[in-house]
Amino acid sequence: MVKADDWRERFDSFYARRPHPVFVRMAGYDKWSDADPYYPPFTITVEEIKLISIYVATLSLPGEK
């Protein structure tokens, strides 16, 4: 994913992209479906996503220094 030009936007909005809305819970976003998720649901905040994104931006791809 990080090789895509828009990786940060995709990463920062993963909770709204299918299939994630089935199992990701965020305040202010309605539950996407009443279907049973295939992965255990979890709750995350926008602030937590920002912190994870900051961390991910510090990582290098294999073979990079």
PDB file of N, CA and C in Angstrom:
ATOM      1  N   MET A   1       0.818  -1.192   0.000  1.00  0.00           N
ATOM      2  CA  MET A   1       0.000   0.000   0.000  1.00  0.00           C
ATOM      3  C   MET A   1       0.862   1.256   0.000  1.00  0.00           C
ATOM      4  N   VAL A   2       1.996   1.235   0.693  1.00  0.00           N
ATOM      5  CA  VAL A   2       2.814   2.444   0.783  1.00  0.00           C
ATOM      6  C   VAL A   2       3.450   2.817  -0.543  1.00  0.00           C
ATOM      7  N   LYS A   3       3.420   1.932  -1.517  1.00  0.00           N
ATOM      8  CA  LYS A   3       3.958   2.262  -2.834  1.00  0.00           C
ATOM      9  C   LYS A   3       2.972   3.092  -3.648  1.00  0.00           C
ATOM     10  N   ALA A   4       1.725   3.138  -3.240  1.00  0.00           N
ATOM     11  CA  ALA A   4       0.723   3.951  -3.924  1.00  0.00           C
ATOM     12  C   ALA A   4       0.925   5.417  -3.550  1.00  0.00           C
ATOM     13  N   ASP A   5       0.719   6.295  -4.509  1.00  0.00           N
ATOM     14  CA  ASP A   5       0.894   7.730  -4.255  1.00  0.00           C
ATOM     15  C   ASP A   5      -0.045   8.252  -3.169  1.00  0.00           C
ATOM     16  N   ASP A   6      -1.211   7.657  -3.064  1.00  0.00           N
ATOM     17  CA  ASP A   6      -2.201   8.134  -2.092  1.00  0.00           C
ATOM     18  C   ASP A   6      -2.270   7.247  -0.847  1.00  0.00           C
ATOM     19  N   TRP A   7      -1.163   6.609  -0.500  1.00  0.00           N
ATOM     20  CA  TRP A   7      -1.173   5.662   0.615  1.00  0.00           C
ATOM     21  C   TRP A   7      -1.629   6.308   1.916  1.00  0.00           C
ATOM     22  N   ARG A   8      -1.186   7.541   2.168  1.00  0.00           N
ATOM     23  CA  ARG A   8      -1.541   8.171   3.443  1.00  0.00           C
ATOM     24  C   ARG A   8      -3.049   8.427   3.518  1.00  0.00           C
ATOM     25  N   GLU A   9      -3.638   8.903   2.441  1.00  0.00           N
ATOM     26  CA  GLU A   9      -5.079   9.148   2.435  1.00  0.00           C
ATOM     27  C   GLU A   9      -5.830   7.835   2.633  1.00  0.00           C
ATOM     28  N   ARG A  10      -5.379   6.772   1.981  1.00  0.00           N
ATOM     29  CA  ARG A  10      -6.013   5.464   2.137  1.00  0.00           C
ATOM     30  C   ARG A  10      -5.863   4.961   3.573  1.00  0.00           C
ATOM     31  N   PHE A  11      -4.679   5.139   4.125  1.00  0.00           N
ATOM     32  CA  PHE A  11      -4.421   4.691   5.490  1.00  0.00           C
ATOM     33  C   PHE A  11      -5.276   5.480   6.477  1.00  0.00           C
ATOM     34  N   ASP A  12      -5.327   6.796   6.305  1.00  0.00           N
ATOM     35  CA  ASP A  12      -6.062   7.657   7.230  1.00  0.00           C
ATOM     36  C   ASP A  12      -7.573   7.463   7.158  1.00  0.00           C
ATOM     37  N   SER A  13      -8.063   6.902   6.058  1.00  0.00           N
ATOM     38  CA  SER A  13      -9.513   6.721   5.909  1.00  0.00           C
ATOM     39  C   SER A  13      -9.908   5.249   5.773  1.00  0.00           C
ATOM     40  N   PHE A  14      -9.039   4.353   6.219  1.00  0.00           N
ATOM     41  CA  PHE A  14      -9.316   2.921   6.056  1.00  0.00           C
ATOM     42  C   PHE A  14     -10.644   2.513   6.682  1.00  0.00           C
ATOM     43  N   TYR A  15     -11.022   3.164   7.773  1.00  0.00           N
ATOM     44  CA  TYR A  15     -12.239   2.799   8.492  1.00  0.00           C
ATOM     45  C   TYR A  15     -13.494   3.022   7.660  1.00  0.00           C
ATOM     46  N   ALA A  16     -13.408   3.865   6.637  1.00  0.00           N
ATOM     47  CA  ALA A  16     -14.562   4.150   5.787  1.00  0.00           C
ATOM     48  C   ALA A  16     -14.530   3.349   4.486  1.00  0.00           C
ATOM     49  N   ARG A  17     -13.459   2.629   4.245  1.00  0.00           N
ATOM     50  CA  ARG A  17     -13.298   1.865   3.002  1.00  0.00           C
ATOM     51  C   ARG A  17     -13.670   0.404   3.237  1.00  0.00           C
ATOM     52  N   ARG A  18     -14.418  -0.133   2.299  1.00  0.00           N
ATOM     53  CA  ARG A  18     -14.800  -1.542   2.396  1.00  0.00           C
ATOM     54  C   ARG A  18     -13.568  -2.419   2.384  1.00  0.00           C
ATOM     55  N   PRO A  19     -13.560  -3.472   3.138  1.00  0.00           N
ATOM     56  CA  PRO A  19     -14.613  -4.038   3.982  1.00  0.00           C
ATOM     57  C   PRO A  19     -14.542  -3.558   5.427  1.00  0.00           C
ATOM     58  N   HIS A  20     -13.671  -2.617   5.735  1.00  0.00           N
ATOM     59  CA  HIS A  20     -13.413  -2.210   7.115  1.00  0.00           C
ATOM     60  C   HIS A  20     -14.633  -1.727   7.897  1.00  0.00           C
ATOM     61  N   PRO A  21     -15.601  -1.022   7.288  1.00  0.00           N
ATOM     62  CA  PRO A  21     -16.743  -0.560   8.092  1.00  0.00           C
ATOM     63  C   PRO A  21     -17.541  -1.678   8.761  1.00  0.00           C
ATOM     64  N   VAL A  22     -17.365  -2.907   8.311  1.00  0.00           N
ATOM     65  CA  VAL A  22     -18.088  -4.016   8.927  1.00  0.00           C
ATOM     66  C   VAL A  22     -17.562  -4.288  10.329  1.00  0.00           C
ATOM     67  N   PHE A  23     -16.257  -4.101  10.553  1.00  0.00           N
ATOM     68  CA  PHE A  23     -15.701  -4.447  11.868  1.00  0.00           C
ATOM     69  C   PHE A  23     -15.005  -3.305  12.595  1.00  0.00           C
ATOM     70  N   VAL A  24     -14.838  -2.153  11.958  1.00  0.00           N
ATOM     71  CA  VAL A  24     -14.221  -1.004  12.626  1.00  0.00           C
ATOM     72  C   VAL A  24     -15.324  -0.100  13.158  1.00  0.00           C
ATOM     73  N   ARG A  25     -15.229   0.272  14.415  1.00  0.00           N
ATOM     74  CA  ARG A  25     -16.215   1.162  15.036  1.00  0.00           C
ATOM     75  C   ARG A  25     -15.543   2.487  15.377  1.00  0.00           C
ATOM     76  N   MET A  26     -16.199   3.584  14.963  1.00  0.00           N
ATOM     77  CA  MET A  26     -15.703   4.929  15.267  1.00  0.00           C
ATOM     78  C   MET A  26     -16.870   5.791  15.690  1.00  0.00           C
ATOM     79  N   ALA A  27     -16.630   6.629  16.676  1.00  0.00           N
ATOM     80  CA  ALA A  27     -17.662   7.565  17.116  1.00  0.00           C
ATOM     81  C   ALA A  27     -18.036   8.473  15.946  1.00  0.00           C
ATOM     82  N   GLY A  28     -19.328   8.699  15.762  1.00  0.00           N
ATOM     83  CA  GLY A  28     -19.789   9.582  14.702  1.00  0.00           C
ATOM     84  C   GLY A  28     -20.053   8.884  13.379  1.00  0.00           C
ATOM     85  N   TYR A  29     -19.749   7.591  13.288  1.00  0.00           N
ATOM     86  CA  TYR A  29     -19.995   6.824  12.071  1.00  0.00           C
ATOM     87  C   TYR A  29     -20.970   5.701  12.398  1.00  0.00           C
ATOM     88  N   ASP A  30     -22.027   5.627  11.614  1.00  0.00           N
ATOM     89  CA  ASP A  30     -23.017   4.576  11.828  1.00  0.00           C
ATOM     90  C   ASP A  30     -22.427   3.211  11.516  1.00  0.00           C
ATOM     91  N   LYS A  31     -22.960   2.205  12.190  1.00  0.00           N
ATOM     92  CA  LYS A  31     -22.578   0.830  11.890  1.00  0.00           C
ATOM     93  C   LYS A  31     -22.981   0.551  10.445  1.00  0.00           C
ATOM     94  N   TRP A  32     -22.061   0.038   9.655  1.00  0.00           N
ATOM     95  CA  TRP A  32     -22.274  -0.131   8.224  1.00  0.00           C
ATOM     96  C   TRP A  32     -23.263  -1.240   7.906  1.00  0.00           C
ATOM     97  N   SER A  33     -23.272  -2.279   8.715  1.00  0.00           N
ATOM     98  CA  SER A  33     -24.106  -3.440   8.425  1.00  0.00           C
ATOM     99  C   SER A  33     -24.458  -4.158   9.727  1.00  0.00           C
ATOM    100  N   ASP A  34     -25.568  -4.855   9.702  1.00  0.00           N
ATOM    101  CA  ASP A  34     -25.936  -5.686  10.844  1.00  0.00           C
ATOM    102  C   ASP A  34     -25.417  -7.113  10.689  1.00  0.00           C
ATOM    103  N   ALA A  35     -24.735  -7.371   9.577  1.00  0.00           N
ATOM    104  CA  ALA A  35     -24.168  -8.701   9.343  1.00  0.00           C
ATOM    105  C   ALA A  35     -23.056  -8.969  10.351  1.00  0.00           C
ATOM    106  N   ASP A  36     -22.883 -10.229  10.686  1.00  0.00           N
ATOM    107  CA  ASP A  36     -21.794 -10.600  11.584  1.00  0.00           C
ATOM    108  C   ASP A  36     -20.460 -10.362  10.884  1.00  0.00           C
ATOM    109  N   PRO A  37     -19.556  -9.646  11.516  1.00  0.00           N
ATOM    110  CA  PRO A  37     -18.252  -9.412  10.891  1.00  0.00           C
ATOM    111  C   PRO A  37     -17.428 -10.696  10.871  1.00  0.00           C
ATOM    112  N   TYR A  38     -16.573 -10.809   9.882  1.00  0.00           N
ATOM    113  CA  TYR A  38     -15.697 -11.980   9.781  1.00  0.00           C
ATOM    114  C   TYR A  38     -14.423 -11.791  10.595  1.00  0.00           C
ATOM    115  N   TYR A  39     -14.286 -10.625  11.207  1.00  0.00           N
ATOM    116  CA  TYR A  39     -13.135 -10.291  12.035  1.00  0.00           C
ATOM    117  C   TYR A  39     -13.684  -9.638  13.295  1.00  0.00           C
ATOM    118  N   PRO A  40     -13.078  -9.862  14.450  1.00  0.00           N
ATOM    119  CA  PRO A  40     -13.620  -9.254  15.674  1.00  0.00           C
ATOM    120  C   PRO A  40     -13.682  -7.724  15.566  1.00  0.00           C
ATOM    121  N   PRO A  41     -14.830  -7.122  15.840  1.00  0.00           N
ATOM    122  CA  PRO A  41     -14.950  -5.665  15.770  1.00  0.00           C
ATOM    123  C   PRO A  41     -14.042  -4.981  16.791  1.00  0.00           C
ATOM    124  N   PHE A  42     -13.593  -3.788  16.449  1.00  0.00           N
ATOM    125  CA  PHE A  42     -12.815  -2.991  17.392  1.00  0.00           C
ATOM    126  C   PHE A  42     -13.163  -1.528  17.204  1.00  0.00           C
ATOM    127  N   THR A  43     -12.899  -0.743  18.226  1.00  0.00           N
ATOM    128  CA  THR A  43     -13.174   0.690  18.211  1.00  0.00           C
ATOM    129  C   THR A  43     -11.854   1.437  18.163  1.00  0.00           C
ATOM    130  N   ILE A  44     -11.816   2.492  17.350  1.00  0.00           N
ATOM    131  CA  ILE A  44     -10.620   3.318  17.215  1.00  0.00           C
ATOM    132  C   ILE A  44     -11.069   4.767  17.077  1.00  0.00           C
ATOM    133  N   THR A  45     -10.225   5.688  17.498  1.00  0.00           N
ATOM    134  CA  THR A  45     -10.548   7.112  17.395  1.00  0.00           C
ATOM    135  C   THR A  45      -9.738   7.740  16.263  1.00  0.00           C
ATOM    136  N   VAL A  46     -10.179   8.892  15.819  1.00  0.00           N
ATOM    137  CA  VAL A  46      -9.440   9.623  14.790  1.00  0.00           C
ATOM    138  C   VAL A  46      -8.041   9.957  15.304  1.00  0.00           C
ATOM    139  N   GLU A  47      -7.928  10.322  16.557  1.00  0.00           N
ATOM    140  CA  GLU A  47      -6.615  10.640  17.143  1.00  0.00           C
ATOM    141  C   GLU A  47      -5.694   9.423  17.099  1.00  0.00           C
ATOM    142  N   GLU A  48      -6.220   8.257  17.406  1.00  0.00           N
ATOM    143  CA  GLU A  48      -5.400   7.040  17.347  1.00  0.00           C
ATOM    144  C   GLU A  48      -4.937   6.749  15.922  1.00  0.00           C
ATOM    145  N   ILE A  49      -5.811   6.972  14.948  1.00  0.00           N
ATOM    146  CA  ILE A  49      -5.427   6.771  13.550  1.00  0.00           C
ATOM    147  C   ILE A  49      -4.316   7.739  13.169  1.00  0.00           C
ATOM    148  N   LYS A  50      -4.423   8.991  13.606  1.00  0.00           N
ATOM    149  CA  LYS A  50      -3.370   9.971  13.313  1.00  0.00           C
ATOM    150  C   LYS A  50      -2.037   9.537  13.907  1.00  0.00           C
ATOM    151  N   LEU A  51      -2.056   9.055  15.139  1.00  0.00           N
ATOM    152  CA  LEU A  51      -0.817   8.606  15.781  1.00  0.00           C
ATOM    153  C   LEU A  51      -0.214   7.403  15.059  1.00  0.00           C
ATOM    154  N   ILE A  52      -1.052   6.468  14.654  1.00  0.00           N
ATOM    155  CA  ILE A  52      -0.557   5.309  13.907  1.00  0.00           C
ATOM    156  C   ILE A  52       0.020   5.756  12.570  1.00  0.00           C
ATOM    157  N   SER A  53      -0.645   6.683  11.912  1.00  0.00           N
ATOM    158  CA  SER A  53      -0.176   7.189  10.622  1.00  0.00           C
ATOM    159  C   SER A  53       1.181   7.876  10.756  1.00  0.00           C
ATOM    160  N   ILE A  54       1.366   8.631  11.822  1.00  0.00           N
ATOM    161  CA  ILE A  54       2.663   9.277  12.071  1.00  0.00           C
ATOM    162  C   ILE A  54       3.746   8.217  12.243  1.00  0.00           C
ATOM    163  N   TYR A  55       3.443   7.173  12.987  1.00  0.00           N
ATOM    164  CA  TYR A  55       4.399   6.085  13.181  1.00  0.00           C
ATOM    165  C   TYR A  55       4.710   5.383  11.854  1.00  0.00           C
ATOM    166  N   VAL A  56       3.681   5.050  11.096  1.00  0.00           N
ATOM    167  CA  VAL A  56       3.874   4.346   9.824  1.00  0.00           C
ATOM    168  C   VAL A  56       4.750   5.160   8.880  1.00  0.00           C
ATOM    169  N   ALA A  57       4.597   6.470   8.883  1.00  0.00           N
ATOM    170  CA  ALA A  57       5.398   7.330   8.005  1.00  0.00           C
ATOM    171  C   ALA A  57       6.887   7.264   8.346  1.00  0.00           C
ATOM    172  N   THR A  58       7.228   6.811   9.546  1.00  0.00           N
ATOM    173  CA  THR A  58       8.646   6.718   9.924  1.00  0.00           C
ATOM    174  C   THR A  58       9.275   5.403   9.480  1.00  0.00           C
ATOM    175  N   LEU A  59       8.465   4.448   9.060  1.00  0.00           N
ATOM    176  CA  LEU A  59       8.979   3.143   8.657  1.00  0.00           C
ATOM    177  C   LEU A  59       9.517   3.202   7.232  1.00  0.00           C
ATOM    178  N   SER A  60      10.511   2.405   6.960  1.00  0.00           N
ATOM    179  CA  SER A  60      11.043   2.344   5.596  1.00  0.00           C
ATOM    180  C   SER A  60      10.639   1.023   4.960  1.00  0.00           C
ATOM    181  N   LEU A  61      10.586   1.030   3.643  1.00  0.00           N
ATOM    182  CA  LEU A  61      10.275  -0.181   2.904  1.00  0.00           C
ATOM    183  C   LEU A  61      11.479  -1.104   2.922  1.00  0.00           C
ATOM    184  N   PRO A  62      11.262  -2.405   2.786  1.00  0.00           N
ATOM    185  CA  PRO A  62      12.402  -3.322   2.725  1.00  0.00           C
ATOM    186  C   PRO A  62      13.371  -2.894   1.622  1.00  0.00           C
ATOM    187  N   GLY A  63      14.632  -2.887   1.941  1.00  0.00           N
ATOM    188  CA  GLY A  63      15.644  -2.478   0.976  1.00  0.00           C
ATOM    189  C   GLY A  63      15.970  -0.998   1.004  1.00  0.00           C
ATOM    190  N   GLU A  64      15.181  -0.204   1.733  1.00  0.00           N
ATOM    191  CA  GLU A  64      15.454   1.229   1.874  1.00  0.00           C
ATOM    192  C   GLU A  64      16.223   1.467   3.155  1.00  0.00           C
ATOM    193  N   LYS A  65      16.956   2.544   3.195  1.00  0.00           N
ATOM    194  CA  LYS A  65      17.685   2.913   4.418  1.00  0.00           C
ATOM    195  C   LYS A  65      17.008   4.068   5.095  1.00  0.00           C
TER     196      LYS A  65
END
